[in-house]
Amino acid sequence: QVQLVESGGGMVQAGGSLRLSCAASGRTLRSYAVGWFRQAPGKEREFVGAISWSGGFTYYADSVKGRFTISRDNAKNIVSLQMNSLKPEDTAVYYCAANPTFSNSGSYLSQSPGYDSWGQGTQVTVSS
């Protein structure tokens, strides 16, 4: 497993932007797909987006498509989630997770059971 730490969360007004980072330690992220998930109070955890091990494939939930972008820098062992045009409904704790797969299947990468390493989460709050 790889240790993951998220950062960059905070409070922002609707329409604003935040950039979350997921830093890995212990092992290289190079052979892992990385997903972002979120959980709002009283709701189940939901998939936000994922990036393949190479960075050549990304997949997003419909709710964030066109507003969120995932990128990775394997040399720095970091994956980023750029969130633009934020809405109050984006308020949640955001988690990054690593999946030891070379899959480029969105349907697979959107499912949490394949991820065996999770960060502690970072709070994102969007005010109206």
Foldseek 3Di string as FASTA:
>chain_A
DKAKAKDFADEEAAQAKTKMKIAIPDDFLLQWKKWKWWDDPPGDIFTAKIAASNRPAIDGDPVQPPFWDWGDDRVRRMIMIIGGRDDQVVWTWMKMFIARDRDRDPVVVRDPVRTDYMHPTDTHGYHD
